[in-house]
C-alpha atoms as a PDB file:
ATOM      1  CA  MET A   1      99.537  63.198  68.563  1.00  0.00           C
ATOM      2  CA  LYS A   2     101.363  66.501  68.844  1.00  0.00           C
ATOM      3  CA  ILE A   3      99.617  69.583  70.245  1.00  0.00           C
ATOM      4  CA  LEU A   4     100.856  73.065  69.391  1.00  0.00           C
ATOM      5  CA  VAL A   5     100.076  75.901  71.826  1.00  0.00           C
ATOM      6  CA  ALA A   6     100.823  79.568  71.177  1.00  0.00           C
ATOM      7  CA  VAL A   7     101.675  81.706  74.212  1.00  0.00           C
ATOM      8  CA  LYS A   8     102.022  85.480  74.151  1.00  0.00           C
ATOM      9  CA  ARG A   9     104.072  87.724  76.449  1.00  0.00           C
ATOM     10  CA  VAL A  10     101.874  90.601  77.625  1.00  0.00           C
ATOM     11  CA  VAL A  11     101.745  93.170  80.394  1.00  0.00           C
ATOM     12  CA  ASP A  12     100.727  91.379  83.601  1.00  0.00           C
ATOM     13  CA  PHE A  13      96.983  91.654  84.182  1.00  0.00           C
ATOM     14  CA  ASN A  14      97.569  93.200  87.636  1.00  0.00           C
ATOM     15  CA  VAL A  15      99.525  96.135  86.172  1.00  0.00           C
ATOM     16  CA  LYS A  16      97.883  99.441  85.309  1.00  0.00           C
ATOM     17  CA  VAL A  17      99.279 100.333  81.894  1.00  0.00           C
ATOM     18  CA  ARG A  18     100.617 103.773  81.031  1.00  0.00           C
ATOM     19  CA  VAL A  19     100.524 105.453  77.643  1.00  0.00           C
ATOM     20  CA  LYS A  20     103.736 106.916  76.238  1.00  0.00           C
ATOM     21  CA  ALA A  21     103.972 110.706  76.307  1.00  0.00           C
ATOM     22  CA  ASP A  22     104.005 110.882  72.500  1.00  0.00           C
ATOM     23  CA  GLY A  23     100.905 108.672  72.209  1.00  0.00           C
ATOM     24  CA  SER A  24     102.724 106.104  70.090  1.00  0.00           C
ATOM     25  CA  GLY A  25     101.912 103.139  72.301  1.00  0.00           C
ATOM     26  CA  VAL A  26     102.019 101.657  75.788  1.00  0.00           C
ATOM     27  CA  ASP A  27     105.037 102.304  78.013  1.00  0.00           C
ATOM     28  CA  LEU A  28     106.708  98.939  78.745  1.00  0.00           C
ATOM     29  CA  VAL A  29     109.766 100.238  80.607  1.00  0.00           C
ATOM     30  CA  ASN A  30     110.171  98.421  83.951  1.00  0.00           C
ATOM     31  CA  VAL A  31     106.706  96.894  83.584  1.00  0.00           C
ATOM     32  CA  LYS A  32     106.047  93.357  84.789  1.00  0.00           C
ATOM     33  CA  MET A  33     105.300  90.995  81.901  1.00  0.00           C
ATOM     34  CA  SER A  34     103.730  87.541  82.014  1.00  0.00           C
ATOM     35  CA  MET A  35     101.975  84.927  79.907  1.00  0.00           C
ATOM     36  CA  ASN A  36      98.610  85.939  78.471  1.00  0.00           C
ATOM     37  CA  PRO A  37      95.957  84.455  80.838  1.00  0.00           C
ATOM     38  CA  PHE A  38      93.918  82.903  78.005  1.00  0.00           C
ATOM     39  CA  ASP A  39      97.086  81.235  76.697  1.00  0.00           C
ATOM     40  CA  GLU A  40      97.749  79.781  80.151  1.00  0.00           C
ATOM     41  CA  ILE A  41      94.349  78.108  79.909  1.00  0.00           C
ATOM     42  CA  ALA A  42      95.165  76.783  76.424  1.00  0.00           C
ATOM     43  CA  LEU A  43      98.468  75.382  77.684  1.00  0.00           C
ATOM     44  CA  GLU A  44      96.840  73.789  80.719  1.00  0.00           C
ATOM     45  CA  GLU A  45      94.290  72.019  78.508  1.00  0.00           C
ATOM     46  CA  ALA A  46      97.029  70.675  76.236  1.00  0.00           C
ATOM     47  CA  ILE A  47      98.976  69.373  79.239  1.00  0.00           C
ATOM     48  CA  ARG A  48      95.859  67.682  80.632  1.00  0.00           C
ATOM     49  CA  LEU A  49      95.248  65.950  77.305  1.00  0.00           C
ATOM     50  CA  LYS A  50      98.819  64.668  77.383  1.00  0.00           C
ATOM     51  CA  GLU A  51      98.429  63.469  80.971  1.00  0.00           C
ATOM     52  CA  LYS A  52      95.374  61.471  79.859  1.00  0.00           C
ATOM     53  CA  GLY A  53      97.524  59.724  77.274  1.00  0.00           C
ATOM     54  CA  LEU A  54      95.797  61.447  74.336  1.00  0.00           C
ATOM     55  CA  ALA A  55      98.877  63.365  73.176  1.00  0.00           C
ATOM     56  CA  GLU A  56     102.560  62.533  72.954  1.00  0.00           C
ATOM     57  CA  GLU A  57     104.046  66.029  72.854  1.00  0.00           C
ATOM     58  CA  VAL A  58     103.078  69.586  73.760  1.00  0.00           C
ATOM     59  CA  LEU A  59     104.989  72.268  71.868  1.00  0.00           C
ATOM     60  CA  ALA A  60     104.804  75.847  73.182  1.00  0.00           C
ATOM     61  CA  ILE A  61     105.407  78.631  70.655  1.00  0.00           C
ATOM     62  CA  SER A  62     105.867  82.348  71.197  1.00  0.00           C
ATOM     63  CA  ILE A  63     106.403  85.140  68.678  1.00  0.00           C
ATOM     64  CA  GLY A  64     108.206  88.298  69.716  1.00  0.00           C
ATOM     65  CA  PRO A  65     111.556  89.613  71.032  1.00  0.00           C
ATOM     66  CA  SER A  66     114.116  87.420  72.789  1.00  0.00           C
ATOM     67  CA  ALA A  67     112.544  88.367  76.132  1.00  0.00           C
ATOM     68  CA  CYS A  68     109.677  86.022  75.232  1.00  0.00           C
ATOM     69  CA  GLN A  69     111.926  83.163  76.277  1.00  0.00           C
ATOM     70  CA  ASP A  70     110.718  83.729  79.843  1.00  0.00           C
ATOM     71  CA  VAL A  71     107.105  82.795  79.007  1.00  0.00           C
ATOM     72  CA  LEU A  72     108.360  79.746  77.107  1.00  0.00           C
ATOM     73  CA  ARG A  73     110.361  78.656  80.151  1.00  0.00           C
ATOM     74  CA  THR A  74     107.221  79.140  82.233  1.00  0.00           C
ATOM     75  CA  ALA A  75     105.269  77.050  79.728  1.00  0.00           C
ATOM     76  CA  MET A  76     107.835  74.260  79.963  1.00  0.00           C
ATOM     77  CA  ALA A  77     107.787  74.478  83.758  1.00  0.00           C
ATOM     78  CA  MET A  78     104.025  73.970  83.604  1.00  0.00           C
ATOM     79  CA  GLY A  79     104.461  70.854  81.483  1.00  0.00           C
ATOM     80  CA  ALA A  80     105.217  71.686  77.840  1.00  0.00           C
ATOM     81  CA  ASP A  81     107.866  69.388  76.365  1.00  0.00           C
ATOM     82  CA  ARG A  82     109.765  72.013  74.405  1.00  0.00           C
ATOM     83  CA  GLY A  83     109.625  75.648  73.359  1.00  0.00           C
ATOM     84  CA  LEU A  84     110.043  77.455  70.072  1.00  0.00           C
ATOM     85  CA  LEU A  85     110.561  81.208  69.744  1.00  0.00           C
ATOM     86  CA  VAL A  86     110.035  83.087  66.501  1.00  0.00           C
ATOM     87  CA  GLU A  87     112.165  86.171  67.091  1.00  0.00           C
ATOM     88  CA  GLU A  88     110.336  89.282  65.942  1.00  0.00           C
ATOM     89  CA  ASP A  89     111.255  92.742  67.209  1.00  0.00           C
ATOM     90  CA  GLY A  90     108.849  94.670  65.008  1.00  0.00           C
ATOM     91  CA  GLU A  91     105.157  95.338  65.374  1.00  0.00           C
ATOM     92  CA  THR A  92     102.849  92.371  64.862  1.00  0.00           C
ATOM     93  CA  GLU A  93      99.151  91.847  64.147  1.00  0.00           C
ATOM     94  CA  PRO A  94      96.803  88.822  64.077  1.00  0.00           C
ATOM     95  CA  LEU A  95      97.119  88.024  60.351  1.00  0.00           C
ATOM     96  CA  TYR A  96     100.914  88.107  60.452  1.00  0.00           C
ATOM     97  CA  ILE A  97     100.918  85.896  63.555  1.00  0.00           C
ATOM     98  CA  ALA A  98      98.494  83.482  61.850  1.00  0.00           C
ATOM     99  CA  LYS A  99     100.797  83.223  58.824  1.00  0.00           C
ATOM    100  CA  LEU A 100     103.776  82.456  61.056  1.00  0.00           C
ATOM    101  CA  LEU A 101     101.765  79.816  62.910  1.00  0.00           C
ATOM    102  CA  ARG A 102     100.686  78.286  59.608  1.00  0.00           C
ATOM    103  CA  ALA A 103     104.336  77.942  58.599  1.00  0.00           C
ATOM    104  CA  LEU A 104     105.102  76.303  61.951  1.00  0.00           C
ATOM    105  CA  VAL A 105     102.141  73.943  61.590  1.00  0.00           C
ATOM    106  CA  ASP A 106     103.437  72.911  58.163  1.00  0.00           C
ATOM    107  CA  ARG A 107     106.839  72.208  59.708  1.00  0.00           C
ATOM    108  CA  GLU A 108     105.791  70.559  62.987  1.00  0.00           C
ATOM    109  CA  GLN A 109     102.676  68.722  61.729  1.00  0.00           C
ATOM    110  CA  PRO A 110     100.514  68.890  64.893  1.00  0.00           C
ATOM    111  CA  ARG A 111      97.006  67.434  64.858  1.00  0.00           C
ATOM    112  CA  LEU A 112      95.630  70.013  67.260  1.00  0.00           C
ATOM    113  CA  VAL A 113      96.420  73.704  67.789  1.00  0.00           C
ATOM    114  CA  ILE A 114      95.119  75.354  70.958  1.00  0.00           C
ATOM    115  CA  LEU A 115      95.163  79.135  71.368  1.00  0.00           C
ATOM    116  CA  GLY A 116      93.764  81.562  73.893  1.00  0.00           C
ATOM    117  CA  LYS A 117      90.670  83.179  72.426  1.00  0.00           C
ATOM    118  CA  GLN A 118      92.291  86.625  72.723  1.00  0.00           C
ATOM    119  CA  ALA A 119      95.245  88.477  74.196  1.00  0.00           C
ATOM    120  CA  ILE A 120      94.602  90.983  76.956  1.00  0.00           C
ATOM    121  CA  ASP A 121      96.782  93.635  75.305  1.00  0.00           C
ATOM    122  CA  ASP A 122      94.972  94.070  71.967  1.00  0.00           C
ATOM    123  CA  ASP A 123      91.781  91.991  72.599  1.00  0.00           C
ATOM    124  CA  ALA A 124      91.760  91.234  68.871  1.00  0.00           C
ATOM    125  CA  ASN A 125      90.220  87.719  69.062  1.00  0.00           C
ATOM    126  CA  GLN A 126      91.216  86.989  65.454  1.00  0.00           C
ATOM    127  CA  THR A 127      94.344  84.810  65.283  1.00  0.00           C
ATOM    128  CA  GLY A 128      92.654  81.443  65.819  1.00  0.00           C
ATOM    129  CA  GLN A 129      89.986  82.067  63.205  1.00  0.00           C
ATOM    130  CA  MET A 130      92.532  83.372  60.683  1.00  0.00           C
ATOM    131  CA  LEU A 131      94.797  80.376  61.242  1.00  0.00           C
ATOM    132  CA  ALA A 132      91.899  77.969  60.679  1.00  0.00           C
ATOM    133  CA  ALA A 133      91.069  79.752  57.418  1.00  0.00           C
ATOM    134  CA  LEU A 134      94.677  79.677  56.203  1.00  0.00           C
ATOM    135  CA  LEU A 135      95.018  75.963  56.983  1.00  0.00           C
ATOM    136  CA  GLY A 136      91.520  74.953  55.910  1.00  0.00           C
ATOM    137  CA  TRP A 137      91.052  73.180  59.269  1.00  0.00           C
ATOM    138  CA  SER A 138      87.928  72.856  61.391  1.00  0.00           C
ATOM    139  CA  GLN A 139      87.701  75.289  64.288  1.00  0.00           C
ATOM    140  CA  GLY A 140      86.008  75.538  67.657  1.00  0.00           C
ATOM    141  CA  ILE A 141      86.236  78.917  69.351  1.00  0.00           C
ATOM    142  CA  PHE A 142      85.489  80.069  72.928  1.00  0.00           C
ATOM    143  CA  ALA A 143      85.736  76.488  74.219  1.00  0.00           C
ATOM    144  CA  SER A 144      84.517  75.907  77.786  1.00  0.00           C
ATOM    145  CA  GLN A 145      84.892  72.106  77.534  1.00  0.00           C
ATOM    146  CA  VAL A 146      87.095  69.952  75.295  1.00  0.00           C
ATOM    147  CA  GLU A 147      86.991  66.169  74.928  1.00  0.00           C
ATOM    148  CA  LEU A 148      88.877  63.862  72.578  1.00  0.00           C
ATOM    149  CA  LYS A 149      87.393  60.457  71.826  1.00  0.00           C
ATOM    150  CA  GLY A 150      86.836  57.947  69.052  1.00  0.00           C
ATOM    151  CA  ALA A 151      89.403  55.744  67.330  1.00  0.00           C
ATOM    152  CA  ASP A 152      92.895  57.069  68.148  1.00  0.00           C
ATOM    153  CA  ALA A 153      91.243  60.136  69.750  1.00  0.00           C
ATOM    154  CA  GLN A 154      90.498  61.687  66.371  1.00  0.00           C
ATOM    155  CA  ASP A 155      87.029  63.002  67.254  1.00  0.00           C
ATOM    156  CA  LEU A 156      86.869  66.310  69.099  1.00  0.00           C
ATOM    157  CA  THR A 157      83.773  67.305  71.080  1.00  0.00           C
ATOM    158  CA  LEU A 158      83.738  70.937  72.133  1.00  0.00           C
ATOM    159  CA  THR A 159      81.266  72.926  74.219  1.00  0.00           C
ATOM    160  CA  ARG A 160      81.072  76.690  73.893  1.00  0.00           C
ATOM    161  CA  GLU A 161      78.894  79.412  75.371  1.00  0.00           C
ATOM    162  CA  ILE A 162      76.590  81.322  73.055  1.00  0.00           C
ATOM    163  CA  ASP A 163      73.925  83.949  73.679  1.00  0.00           C
ATOM    164  CA  GLY A 164      71.183  81.339  74.040  1.00  0.00           C
ATOM    165  CA  GLY A 165      73.096  78.951  76.309  1.00  0.00           C
ATOM    166  CA  LEU A 166      75.560  76.208  75.374  1.00  0.00           C
ATOM    167  CA  GLU A 167      76.475  74.844  71.954  1.00  0.00           C
ATOM    168  CA  THR A 168      78.181  71.469  71.366  1.00  0.00           C
ATOM    169  CA  LEU A 169      80.347  70.939  68.281  1.00  0.00           C
ATOM    170  CA  ASN A 170      81.740  67.679  66.932  1.00  0.00           C
ATOM    171  CA  LEU A 171      84.921  68.258  64.944  1.00  0.00           C
ATOM    172  CA  ASN A 172      87.339  66.042  63.069  1.00  0.00           C
ATOM    173  CA  LEU A 173      91.046  66.526  63.573  1.00  0.00           C
ATOM    174  CA  PRO A 174      93.166  68.361  62.594  1.00  0.00           C
ATOM    175  CA  SER A 175      91.513  71.317  64.273  1.00  0.00           C
ATOM    176  CA  ILE A 176      92.015  74.758  65.813  1.00  0.00           C
ATOM    177  CA  VAL A 177      90.620  75.419  69.308  1.00  0.00           C
ATOM    178  CA  THR A 178      90.498  78.739  71.145  1.00  0.00           C
ATOM    179  CA  THR A 179      89.884  78.702  74.883  1.00  0.00           C
ATOM    180  CA  ASP A 180      87.511  80.576  77.149  1.00  0.00           C
ATOM    181  CA  LEU A 181      88.068  81.380  80.829  1.00  0.00           C
ATOM    182  CA  ARG A 182      85.727  78.620  82.044  1.00  0.00           C
ATOM    183  CA  LEU A 183      87.670  75.769  80.430  1.00  0.00           C
ATOM    184  CA  ASN A 184      90.038  75.100  83.347  1.00  0.00           C
ATOM    185  CA  GLU A 185      92.166  76.542  86.144  1.00  0.00           C
ATOM    186  CA  PRO A 186      95.852  76.684  85.102  1.00  0.00           C
ATOM    187  CA  ARG A 187      98.360  75.080  87.446  1.00  0.00           C
ATOM    188  CA  ASN A 188     101.240  76.896  89.092  1.00  0.00           C
ATOM    189  CA  ALA A 189     104.756  75.933  88.085  1.00  0.00           C
ATOM    190  CA  THR A 190     106.519  74.261  91.005  1.00  0.00           C
ATOM    191  CA  LEU A 191     110.165  74.964  91.849  1.00  0.00           C
ATOM    192  CA  PRO A 192     111.383  71.477  90.804  1.00  0.00           C
ATOM    193  CA  ASN A 193     109.614  71.845  87.451  1.00  0.00           C
ATOM    194  CA  ILE A 194     111.070  75.328  86.993  1.00  0.00           C
ATOM    195  CA  MET A 195     114.534  73.825  87.457  1.00  0.00           C
ATOM    196  CA  LYS A 196     113.746  70.986  85.038  1.00  0.00           C
ATOM    197  CA  ALA A 197     112.460  73.486  82.438  1.00  0.00           C
ATOM    198  CA  ARG A 198     115.965  74.954  82.144  1.00  0.00           C
ATOM    199  CA  LYS A 199     117.116  71.701  80.563  1.00  0.00           C
ATOM    200  CA  LYS A 200     114.240  71.363  78.106  1.00  0.00           C
ATOM    201  CA  PRO A 201     114.986  72.338  74.488  1.00  0.00           C
ATOM    202  CA  LEU A 202     114.174  75.885  73.427  1.00  0.00           C
ATOM    203  CA  GLU A 203     114.675  76.582  69.725  1.00  0.00           C
ATOM    204  CA  THR A 204     114.736  79.975  68.032  1.00  0.00           C
ATOM    205  CA  THR A 205     113.868  80.799  64.449  1.00  0.00           C
ATOM    206  CA  SER A 206     112.777  83.808  62.419  1.00  0.00           C
ATOM    207  CA  ALA A 207     110.106  84.849  59.954  1.00  0.00           C
ATOM    208  CA  ALA A 208     112.700  84.803  57.170  1.00  0.00           C
ATOM    209  CA  GLU A 209     113.629  81.187  57.939  1.00  0.00           C
ATOM    210  CA  LEU A 210     109.938  80.287  57.885  1.00  0.00           C
ATOM    211  CA  GLY A 211     109.453  82.034  54.560  1.00  0.00           C
ATOM    212  CA  VAL A 212     106.929  84.571  55.880  1.00  0.00           C
ATOM    213  CA  GLU A 213     107.202  88.192  54.791  1.00  0.00           C
ATOM    214  CA  HIS A 214     106.624  90.804  57.478  1.00  0.00           C
ATOM    215  CA  VAL A 215     103.818  92.837  55.937  1.00  0.00           C
ATOM    216  CA  LEU A 216     101.338  94.655  58.176  1.00  0.00           C
ATOM    217  CA  GLN A 217      97.786  95.427  57.101  1.00  0.00           C
ATOM    218  CA  THR A 218      97.092  98.017  59.791  1.00  0.00           C
ATOM    219  CA  ARG A 219      98.901 101.005  61.291  1.00  0.00           C
ATOM    220  CA  THR A 220      98.495 102.478  64.769  1.00  0.00           C
ATOM    221  CA  LEU A 221      97.753 106.185  64.497  1.00  0.00           C
ATOM    222  CA  SER A 222      97.743 107.006  68.208  1.00  0.00           C
ATOM    223  CA  VAL A 223      97.148 105.521  71.641  1.00  0.00           C
ATOM    224  CA  SER A 224      95.373 107.434  74.399  1.00  0.00           C
ATOM    225  CA  GLU A 225      93.964 106.715  77.828  1.00  0.00           C
ATOM    226  CA  PRO A 226      90.163 106.419  78.171  1.00  0.00           C
ATOM    227  CA  PRO A 227      88.343 109.534  79.387  1.00  0.00           C
ATOM    228  CA  GLY A 228      87.811 109.867  83.113  1.00  0.00           C
ATOM    229  CA  ARG A 229      84.508 109.292  84.840  1.00  0.00           C
ATOM    230  CA  GLN A 230      82.045 112.103  84.211  1.00  0.00           C
ATOM    231  CA  GLY A 231      79.985 113.530  87.041  1.00  0.00           C
ATOM    232  CA  GLN A 232      79.522 112.370  90.627  1.00  0.00           C
ATOM    233  CA  CYS A 233      78.000 109.153  91.944  1.00  0.00           C
ATOM    234  CA  GLN A 234      74.898 109.496  94.110  1.00  0.00           C
ATOM    235  CA  LYS A 235      73.389 107.120  96.639  1.00  0.00           C
ATOM    236  CA  LEU A 236      69.616 107.062  96.338  1.00  0.00           C
ATOM    237  CA  ALA A 237      67.155 106.029  99.004  1.00  0.00           C
ATOM    238  CA  SER A 238      64.729 104.063  96.826  1.00  0.00           C
ATOM    239  CA  ALA A 239      63.945 102.748  93.360  1.00  0.00           C
ATOM    240  CA  ALA A 240      61.225 105.365  93.050  1.00  0.00           C
ATOM    241  CA  GLU A 241      63.812 108.131  93.499  1.00  0.00           C
ATOM    242  CA  LEU A 242      65.976 106.515  90.823  1.00  0.00           C
ATOM    243  CA  VAL A 243      63.076 106.408  88.370  1.00  0.00           C
ATOM    244  CA  GLU A 244      62.288 110.054  89.111  1.00  0.00           C
ATOM    245  CA  LYS A 245      65.853 111.173  88.414  1.00  0.00           C
ATOM    246  CA  LEU A 246      66.020 109.102  85.197  1.00  0.00           C
ATOM    247  CA  ARG A 247      62.797 110.747  84.048  1.00  0.00           C
ATOM    248  CA  MET A 248      63.299 114.357  85.161  1.00  0.00           C
ATOM    249  CA  GLN A 249      67.104 114.849  85.080  1.00  0.00           C
ATOM    250  CA  ALA A 250      68.511 112.339  82.632  1.00  0.00           C
ATOM    251  CA  GLY A 251      65.487 112.269  80.349  1.00  0.00           C
ATOM    252  CA  VAL A 252      66.104 108.646  79.397  1.00  0.00           C
ATOM    253  CA  ILE A 253      62.607 107.395  80.236  1.00  0.00           C
ATOM    254  CA  ALA A 254      59.218 108.928  79.577  1.00  0.00           C
END
């Protein structure tokens, strides 16, 4: 079985982002970039399934400028067998990404696609669901546990957190899975594996070669920083004092 994993290059989660002076977007000049943390979890799960003998190949895919090759090399250093970059210098959105992934699924024929549930730059949380709809595949989102079993590992059991507790889904492959933070702890790429990753195949293609037209459904009007904290924090001596201030000053309780 082949597993396809999509990895996105985003601003490192430790970096405080800055908005461009003209409000057109986020300033990426000299900013540290890395693999989206949710995608690291998706990749780790795919590698673990391969290590258990349940998959033959893990294919890492990224969509974006040529600089995205660095996250693909990281993915291969972690354990992916090969990388594939869809070069795209323009603006992207979840539906466009889902259409590109659908074209790649049609070409590569994986039985399982694992994605991070969201990217930390746009927090859209839409690509996995859109891809499942375009393919007509079963889907399990926000997975905190994944298990393949049955004849030829064709039955997928997935546990996900919901408001009332935990929900268990039984899915038939092919399927789309999106990963939550609690699924696993991604491994660090070791130096020997980083060196080996340089020799693994990394292919590049384009939306035109995949037959996908670059049409966006949304347009960014402006980007601005969130407003600063209003007012001053106060340290209160007791719960009774807090209740009194909520009643008399804030007026939020009767």
